[in-house]
Amino acid sequence: MIKFQHHYRSSNGLSPNSNRFIGSLTYLVFHSLVFWISYKIWGIQMFDEIWFYAMHLVAFFSVKVFLIAIRVWDH
C-alpha cells in the first residue's frame, strides 16, 4: 500500500505542529502568570476558591485574544 503525505499549511502559513507548539507555549506562559498573580493575592487559599477554576478560563481566553492580536490565529 502506498501512503501519500499531504503537507498541510494553515492560513497563517505554519504547519499544524508549529501552531500547536505556539498555542501550547502561549497557554503555558499565560496560565503561569495568572497562577502566580492569583497565588500572590490569595496564597494557598486560592485552591479552595471557585476562582481557581475561573483562572483557567481567564488564561484560555487571554491566549485566544493574544494569538488573534499577533495574527497567528485567524478565527
PDB file of N, CA and C in Angstrom:
ATOM      1  N   MET A   1       0.843  -1.175   0.000  1.00  0.00           N
ATOM      2  CA  MET A   1       0.000   0.000   0.000  1.00  0.00           C
ATOM      3  C   MET A   1       0.890   1.240   0.000  1.00  0.00           C
ATOM      4  N   ILE A   2       0.571   2.166  -0.842  1.00  0.00           N
ATOM      5  CA  ILE A   2       1.322   3.414  -0.931  1.00  0.00           C
ATOM      6  C   ILE A   2       0.660   4.453  -0.040  1.00  0.00           C
ATOM      7  N   LYS A   3       1.463   5.065   0.774  1.00  0.00           N
ATOM      8  CA  LYS A   3       0.941   6.087   1.676  1.00  0.00           C
ATOM      9  C   LYS A   3       1.368   7.459   1.146  1.00  0.00           C
ATOM     10  N   PHE A   4       0.376   8.301   0.882  1.00  0.00           N
ATOM     11  CA  PHE A   4       0.662   9.640   0.393  1.00  0.00           C
ATOM     12  C   PHE A   4       0.693  10.610   1.557  1.00  0.00           C
ATOM     13  N   GLN A   5       1.644  11.506   1.534  1.00  0.00           N
ATOM     14  CA  GLN A   5       1.732  12.526   2.574  1.00  0.00           C
ATOM     15  C   GLN A   5       1.192  13.831   2.030  1.00  0.00           C
ATOM     16  N   HIS A   6       0.349  14.438   2.802  1.00  0.00           N
ATOM     17  CA  HIS A   6      -0.196  15.739   2.435  1.00  0.00           C
ATOM     18  C   HIS A   6       0.443  16.775   3.344  1.00  0.00           C
ATOM     19  N   HIS A   7       1.152  17.692   2.769  1.00  0.00           N
ATOM     20  CA  HIS A   7       1.803  18.739   3.555  1.00  0.00           C
ATOM     21  C   HIS A   7       0.827  19.893   3.729  1.00  0.00           C
ATOM     22  N   TYR A   8       0.176  19.886   4.860  1.00  0.00           N
ATOM     23  CA  TYR A   8      -0.865  20.870   5.150  1.00  0.00           C
ATOM     24  C   TYR A   8      -0.247  22.130   5.737  1.00  0.00           C
ATOM     25  N   ARG A   9      -0.707  23.260   5.281  1.00  0.00           N
ATOM     26  CA  ARG A   9      -0.344  24.553   5.853  1.00  0.00           C
ATOM     27  C   ARG A   9      -1.632  25.293   6.174  1.00  0.00           C
ATOM     28  N   SER A  10      -1.684  25.894   7.338  1.00  0.00           N
ATOM     29  CA  SER A  10      -2.870  26.647   7.710  1.00  0.00           C
ATOM     30  C   SER A  10      -2.841  28.017   7.035  1.00  0.00           C
ATOM     31  N   SER A  11      -3.874  28.800   7.274  1.00  0.00           N
ATOM     32  CA  SER A  11      -3.971  30.102   6.614  1.00  0.00           C
ATOM     33  C   SER A  11      -2.884  31.073   7.077  1.00  0.00           C
ATOM     34  N   ASN A  12      -2.253  30.808   8.223  1.00  0.00           N
ATOM     35  CA  ASN A  12      -1.171  31.674   8.676  1.00  0.00           C
ATOM     36  C   ASN A  12       0.189  31.224   8.130  1.00  0.00           C
ATOM     37  N   GLY A  13       0.203  30.149   7.351  1.00  0.00           N
ATOM     38  CA  GLY A  13       1.424  29.679   6.711  1.00  0.00           C
ATOM     39  C   GLY A  13       2.249  28.712   7.532  1.00  0.00           C
ATOM     40  N   LEU A  14       1.796  28.367   8.714  1.00  0.00           N
ATOM     41  CA  LEU A  14       2.541  27.465   9.588  1.00  0.00           C
ATOM     42  C   LEU A  14       1.938  26.069   9.534  1.00  0.00           C
ATOM     43  N   SER A  15       2.752  25.098   9.874  1.00  0.00           N
ATOM     44  CA  SER A  15       2.261  23.720   9.924  1.00  0.00           C
ATOM     45  C   SER A  15       1.425  23.519  11.192  1.00  0.00           C
ATOM     46  N   PRO A  16       0.594  22.480  11.223  1.00  0.00           N
ATOM     47  CA  PRO A  16      -0.191  22.204  12.424  1.00  0.00           C
ATOM     48  C   PRO A  16       0.678  22.013  13.673  1.00  0.00           C
ATOM     49  N   ASN A  17       1.833  21.373  13.524  1.00  0.00           N
ATOM     50  CA  ASN A  17       2.713  21.188  14.679  1.00  0.00           C
ATOM     51  C   ASN A  17       3.241  22.518  15.194  1.00  0.00           C
ATOM     52  N   SER A  18       3.571  23.426  14.290  1.00  0.00           N
ATOM     53  CA  SER A  18       4.038  24.750  14.704  1.00  0.00           C
ATOM     54  C   SER A  18       2.925  25.515  15.416  1.00  0.00           C
ATOM     55  N   ASN A  19       1.712  25.423  14.877  1.00  0.00           N
ATOM     56  CA  ASN A  19       0.579  26.094  15.521  1.00  0.00           C
ATOM     57  C   ASN A  19       0.311  25.530  16.915  1.00  0.00           C
ATOM     58  N   ARG A  20       0.392  24.207  17.048  1.00  0.00           N
ATOM     59  CA  ARG A  20       0.194  23.589  18.364  1.00  0.00           C
ATOM     60  C   ARG A  20       1.266  24.035  19.348  1.00  0.00           C
ATOM     61  N   PHE A  21       2.508  24.083  18.891  1.00  0.00           N
ATOM     62  CA  PHE A  21       3.608  24.497  19.756  1.00  0.00           C
ATOM     63  C   PHE A  21       3.429  25.943  20.220  1.00  0.00           C
ATOM     64  N   ILE A  22       3.099  26.835  19.299  1.00  0.00           N
ATOM     65  CA  ILE A  22       2.905  28.244  19.650  1.00  0.00           C
ATOM     66  C   ILE A  22       1.735  28.386  20.623  1.00  0.00           C
ATOM     67  N   GLY A  23       0.632  27.708  20.342  1.00  0.00           N
ATOM     68  CA  GLY A  23      -0.534  27.779  21.225  1.00  0.00           C
ATOM     69  C   GLY A  23      -0.265  27.211  22.604  1.00  0.00           C
ATOM     70  N   SER A  24       0.401  26.074  22.663  1.00  0.00           N
ATOM     71  CA  SER A  24       0.702  25.444  23.949  1.00  0.00           C
ATOM     72  C   SER A  24       1.679  26.271  24.770  1.00  0.00           C
ATOM     73  N   LEU A  25       2.688  26.801  24.109  1.00  0.00           N
ATOM     74  CA  LEU A  25       3.668  27.628  24.812  1.00  0.00           C
ATOM     75  C   LEU A  25       3.031  28.917  25.329  1.00  0.00           C
ATOM     76  N   THR A  26       2.180  29.515  24.515  1.00  0.00           N
ATOM     77  CA  THR A  26       1.482  30.735  24.938  1.00  0.00           C
ATOM     78  C   THR A  26       0.568  30.440  26.114  1.00  0.00           C
ATOM     79  N   TYR A  27      -0.152  29.317  26.058  1.00  0.00           N
ATOM     80  CA  TYR A  27      -1.024  28.944  27.176  1.00  0.00           C
ATOM     81  C   TYR A  27      -0.201  28.707  28.443  1.00  0.00           C
ATOM     82  N   LEU A  28       0.931  28.054  28.325  1.00  0.00           N
ATOM     83  CA  LEU A  28       1.793  27.821  29.487  1.00  0.00           C
ATOM     84  C   LEU A  28       2.219  29.136  30.126  1.00  0.00           C
ATOM     85  N   VAL A  29       2.626  30.090  29.313  1.00  0.00           N
ATOM     86  CA  VAL A  29       3.069  31.386  29.832  1.00  0.00           C
ATOM     87  C   VAL A  29       1.913  32.130  30.487  1.00  0.00           C
ATOM     88  N   PHE A  30       0.770  32.225  29.807  1.00  0.00           N
ATOM     89  CA  PHE A  30      -0.367  32.956  30.362  1.00  0.00           C
ATOM     90  C   PHE A  30      -0.902  32.276  31.621  1.00  0.00           C
ATOM     91  N   HIS A  31      -1.003  30.953  31.592  1.00  0.00           N
ATOM     92  CA  HIS A  31      -1.515  30.243  32.768  1.00  0.00           C
ATOM     93  C   HIS A  31      -0.564  30.403  33.950  1.00  0.00           C
ATOM     94  N   SER A  32       0.728  30.363  33.698  1.00  0.00           N
ATOM     95  CA  SER A  32       1.706  30.549  34.773  1.00  0.00           C
ATOM     96  C   SER A  32       1.608  31.946  35.373  1.00  0.00           C
ATOM     97  N   LEU A  33       1.426  32.947  34.522  1.00  0.00           N
ATOM     98  CA  LEU A  33       1.283  34.321  35.028  1.00  0.00           C
ATOM     99  C   LEU A  33       0.019  34.485  35.866  1.00  0.00           C
ATOM    100  N   VAL A  34      -1.101  33.975  35.361  1.00  0.00           N
ATOM    101  CA  VAL A  34      -2.362  34.070  36.107  1.00  0.00           C
ATOM    102  C   VAL A  34      -2.251  33.293  37.409  1.00  0.00           C
ATOM    103  N   PHE A  35      -1.651  32.128  37.379  1.00  0.00           N
ATOM    104  CA  PHE A  35      -1.471  31.322  38.581  1.00  0.00           C
ATOM    105  C   PHE A  35      -0.604  32.054  39.603  1.00  0.00           C
ATOM    106  N   TRP A  36       0.498  32.630  39.148  1.00  0.00           N
ATOM    107  CA  TRP A  36       1.418  33.323  40.051  1.00  0.00           C
ATOM    108  C   TRP A  36       0.754  34.550  40.679  1.00  0.00           C
ATOM    109  N   ILE A  37       0.037  35.325  39.870  1.00  0.00           N
ATOM    110  CA  ILE A  37      -0.655  36.511  40.402  1.00  0.00           C
ATOM    111  C   ILE A  37      -1.721  36.086  41.402  1.00  0.00           C
ATOM    112  N   SER A  38      -2.505  35.055  41.074  1.00  0.00           N
ATOM    113  CA  SER A  38      -3.537  34.573  42.000  1.00  0.00           C
ATOM    114  C   SER A  38      -2.919  34.061  43.290  1.00  0.00           C
ATOM    115  N   TYR A  39      -1.799  33.373  43.197  1.00  0.00           N
ATOM    116  CA  TYR A  39      -1.137  32.854  44.389  1.00  0.00           C
ATOM    117  C   TYR A  39      -0.623  33.993  45.264  1.00  0.00           C
ATOM    118  N   LYS A  40      -0.101  35.042  44.639  1.00  0.00           N
ATOM    119  CA  LYS A  40       0.385  36.190  45.411  1.00  0.00           C
ATOM    120  C   LYS A  40      -0.756  36.921  46.106  1.00  0.00           C
ATOM    121  N   ILE A  41      -1.927  36.950  45.500  1.00  0.00           N
ATOM    122  CA  ILE A  41      -3.074  37.643  46.097  1.00  0.00           C
ATOM    123  C   ILE A  41      -3.716  36.804  47.199  1.00  0.00           C
ATOM    124  N   TRP A  42      -4.053  35.521  46.889  1.00  0.00           N
ATOM    125  CA  TRP A  42      -4.817  34.700  47.822  1.00  0.00           C
ATOM    126  C   TRP A  42      -3.977  33.662  48.558  1.00  0.00           C
ATOM    127  N   GLY A  43      -2.773  33.415  48.146  1.00  0.00           N
ATOM    128  CA  GLY A  43      -1.954  32.397  48.790  1.00  0.00           C
ATOM    129  C   GLY A  43      -2.499  31.005  48.508  1.00  0.00           C
ATOM    130  N   ILE A  44      -2.288  30.099  49.434  1.00  0.00           N
ATOM    131  CA  ILE A  44      -2.704  28.702  49.261  1.00  0.00           C
ATOM    132  C   ILE A  44      -4.228  28.557  49.237  1.00  0.00           C
ATOM    133  N   GLN A  45      -4.937  29.564  49.738  1.00  0.00           N
ATOM    134  CA  GLN A  45      -6.402  29.504  49.766  1.00  0.00           C
ATOM    135  C   GLN A  45      -7.013  29.562  48.366  1.00  0.00           C
ATOM    136  N   MET A  46      -6.238  29.954  47.396  1.00  0.00           N
ATOM    137  CA  MET A  46      -6.791  30.038  46.036  1.00  0.00           C
ATOM    138  C   MET A  46      -7.254  28.676  45.533  1.00  0.00           C
ATOM    139  N   PHE A  47      -6.709  27.587  46.078  1.00  0.00           N
ATOM    140  CA  PHE A  47      -7.114  26.253  45.646  1.00  0.00           C
ATOM    141  C   PHE A  47      -8.499  25.880  46.176  1.00  0.00           C
ATOM    142  N   ASP A  48      -8.952  26.560  47.223  1.00  0.00           N
ATOM    143  CA  ASP A  48     -10.266  26.290  47.797  1.00  0.00           C
ATOM    144  C   ASP A  48     -11.361  27.147  47.186  1.00  0.00           C
ATOM    145  N   GLU A  49     -10.994  28.131  46.441  1.00  0.00           N
ATOM    146  CA  GLU A  49     -11.959  29.083  45.911  1.00  0.00           C
ATOM    147  C   GLU A  49     -12.432  28.668  44.525  1.00  0.00           C
ATOM    148  N   ILE A  50     -13.588  29.160  44.154  1.00  0.00           N
ATOM    149  CA  ILE A  50     -14.104  28.921  42.806  1.00  0.00           C
ATOM    150  C   ILE A  50     -13.265  29.657  41.774  1.00  0.00           C
ATOM    151  N   TRP A  51     -12.558  30.688  42.202  1.00  0.00           N
ATOM    152  CA  TRP A  51     -11.745  31.469  41.270  1.00  0.00           C
ATOM    153  C   TRP A  51     -10.586  30.647  40.703  1.00  0.00           C
ATOM    154  N   PHE A  52     -10.247  29.565  41.375  1.00  0.00           N
ATOM    155  CA  PHE A  52      -9.208  28.689  40.837  1.00  0.00           C
ATOM    156  C   PHE A  52      -9.626  28.146  39.472  1.00  0.00           C
ATOM    157  N   TYR A  53     -10.909  27.806  39.323  1.00  0.00           N
ATOM    158  CA  TYR A  53     -11.406  27.299  38.046  1.00  0.00           C
ATOM    159  C   TYR A  53     -11.562  28.424  37.036  1.00  0.00           C
ATOM    160  N   ALA A  54     -11.945  29.588  37.505  1.00  0.00           N
ATOM    161  CA  ALA A  54     -12.067  30.749  36.624  1.00  0.00           C
ATOM    162  C   ALA A  54     -10.699  31.166  36.089  1.00  0.00           C
ATOM    163  N   MET A  55      -9.656  30.861  36.846  1.00  0.00           N
ATOM    164  CA  MET A  55      -8.296  31.187  36.422  1.00  0.00           C
ATOM    165  C   MET A  55      -7.965  30.503  35.096  1.00  0.00           C
ATOM    166  N   HIS A  56      -8.417  29.283  34.908  1.00  0.00           N
ATOM    167  CA  HIS A  56      -8.171  28.569  33.662  1.00  0.00           C
ATOM    168  C   HIS A  56      -8.893  29.252  32.497  1.00  0.00           C
ATOM    169  N   LEU A  57     -10.112  29.707  32.740  1.00  0.00           N
ATOM    170  CA  LEU A  57     -10.854  30.400  31.696  1.00  0.00           C
ATOM    171  C   LEU A  57     -10.189  31.714  31.316  1.00  0.00           C
ATOM    172  N   VAL A  58      -9.698  32.439  32.306  1.00  0.00           N
ATOM    173  CA  VAL A  58      -9.007  33.703  32.031  1.00  0.00           C
ATOM    174  C   VAL A  58      -7.771  33.444  31.179  1.00  0.00           C
ATOM    175  N   ALA A  59      -6.989  32.455  31.538  1.00  0.00           N
ATOM    176  CA  ALA A  59      -5.783  32.129  30.773  1.00  0.00           C
ATOM    177  C   ALA A  59      -6.142  31.685  29.359  1.00  0.00           C
ATOM    178  N   PHE A  60      -7.165  30.854  29.216  1.00  0.00           N
ATOM    179  CA  PHE A  60      -7.554  30.341  27.909  1.00  0.00           C
ATOM    180  C   PHE A  60      -8.002  31.470  26.984  1.00  0.00           C
ATOM    181  N   PHE A  61      -8.881  32.345  27.467  1.00  0.00           N
ATOM    182  CA  PHE A  61      -9.378  33.423  26.621  1.00  0.00           C
ATOM    183  C   PHE A  61      -8.320  34.501  26.393  1.00  0.00           C
ATOM    184  N   SER A  62      -7.405  34.673  27.325  1.00  0.00           N
ATOM    185  CA  SER A  62      -6.296  35.605  27.110  1.00  0.00           C
ATOM    186  C   SER A  62      -5.389  35.116  25.982  1.00  0.00           C
ATOM    187  N   VAL A  63      -5.159  33.822  25.930  1.00  0.00           N
ATOM    188  CA  VAL A  63      -4.359  33.243  24.848  1.00  0.00           C
ATOM    189  C   VAL A  63      -5.060  33.464  23.517  1.00  0.00           C
ATOM    190  N   LYS A  64      -6.369  33.252  23.483  1.00  0.00           N
ATOM    191  CA  LYS A  64      -7.131  33.449  22.249  1.00  0.00           C
ATOM    192  C   LYS A  64      -7.000  34.889  21.759  1.00  0.00           C
ATOM    193  N   VAL A  65      -7.197  35.855  22.639  1.00  0.00           N
ATOM    194  CA  VAL A  65      -7.097  37.265  22.266  1.00  0.00           C
ATOM    195  C   VAL A  65      -5.684  37.604  21.811  1.00  0.00           C
ATOM    196  N   PHE A  66      -4.690  37.097  22.512  1.00  0.00           N
ATOM    197  CA  PHE A  66      -3.294  37.377  22.159  1.00  0.00           C
ATOM    198  C   PHE A  66      -2.934  36.796  20.798  1.00  0.00           C
ATOM    199  N   LEU A  67      -3.318  35.545  20.543  1.00  0.00           N
ATOM    200  CA  LEU A  67      -2.982  34.918  19.263  1.00  0.00           C
ATOM    201  C   LEU A  67      -3.710  35.571  18.097  1.00  0.00           C
ATOM    202  N   ILE A  68      -4.908  36.058  18.326  1.00  0.00           N
ATOM    203  CA  ILE A  68      -5.608  36.805  17.281  1.00  0.00           C
ATOM    204  C   ILE A  68      -4.926  38.151  17.059  1.00  0.00           C
ATOM    205  N   ALA A  69      -4.491  38.797  18.135  1.00  0.00           N
ATOM    206  CA  ALA A  69      -3.851  40.110  18.036  1.00  0.00           C
ATOM    207  C   ALA A  69      -2.526  40.039  17.266  1.00  0.00           C
ATOM    208  N   ILE A  70      -1.773  38.965  17.446  1.00  0.00           N
ATOM    209  CA  ILE A  70      -0.489  38.864  16.727  1.00  0.00           C
ATOM    210  C   ILE A  70      -0.657  38.116  15.404  1.00  0.00           C
ATOM    211  N   ARG A  71      -1.900  37.839  15.032  1.00  0.00           N
ATOM    212  CA  ARG A  71      -2.268  37.250  13.736  1.00  0.00           C
ATOM    213  C   ARG A  71      -1.730  35.841  13.509  1.00  0.00           C
ATOM    214  N   VAL A  72      -1.603  35.072  14.590  1.00  0.00           N
ATOM    215  CA  VAL A  72      -1.260  33.664  14.446  1.00  0.00           C
ATOM    216  C   VAL A  72      -2.528  32.856  14.276  1.00  0.00           C
ATOM    217  N   TRP A  73      -3.601  33.297  14.926  1.00  0.00           N
ATOM    218  CA  TRP A  73      -4.878  32.612  14.835  1.00  0.00           C
ATOM    219  C   TRP A  73      -5.848  33.502  14.071  1.00  0.00           C
ATOM    220  N   ASP A  74      -6.440  32.988  13.026  1.00  0.00           N
ATOM    221  CA  ASP A  74      -7.284  33.788  12.150  1.00  0.00           C
ATOM    222  C   ASP A  74      -8.757  33.743  12.474  1.00  0.00           C
ATOM    223  N   HIS A  75      -9.172  33.034  13.474  1.00  0.00           N
ATOM    224  CA  HIS A  75     -10.606  32.865  13.738  1.00  0.00           C
ATOM    225  C   HIS A  75     -11.199  34.081  14.369  1.00  0.00           C
TER     226      HIS A  75
END
